[in-house]
Amino acid sequence: MSTQTHGCAMNEPTLESVLAAVSALYQPLTLDSVTSSEHKQTRDSASSFLTAIQSSPLAWKLADELLQHSLYVKPDIEACYFASHTLRTRIQNNFHELPVESHVSLRESILRYLTHLSNNFDQQQVRVIRTQLTISLARLVILDENWDKPLNELVNRLPDRNSLIQV
């Protein structure tokens, strides 16, 4: 799969290129920055790049990498939102792409991210990310036929009542 960015084709987007695109998308226009039209062009290019990623099967891997990155480095809230939204959308619309043997790993990753968010951040700041991840879990409860007693597991493992209520 080839994705267009800034007029150049590339084979597989890297974590760094996705982080740069998210940053470009959310960077405000300032007096010191480029002209309004250049800023709009940069944002449009970043948006197209990120949209192409979200519609690609590579989105599974990149969303997971972005969220894993947030476990070890001060997270970029916008990048975490992009990743959590991408995961939710992929689960909702493309769950059939995942091999059955990766369902448990996906579930474990989402639970790990929720726990990390609950333990390490101001909850108001990460509310939208937590919402996307809990919607992802709710979809997994419905879609993963091999998940034995999902509600029992969620009650025992979710880090806080807010997350459980959202699921």
Foldseek 3Di string as FASTA:
>chain_A
DWADAPNDIDDDDDLVNLVVLLCLLPPDDDPPDDDPVVSVVSNVRSVRRLVVCLVDPCLVVNLLVLLVVVLPDVHDLSSLLSSLQSLLVCLVPPVVVDDLVCLVVVVVSLLVSQQSPVVPDDCVSNVSSLLSSLSSLVSSVVPNPPDPPSLVVCVVRGDDPVSNVSD
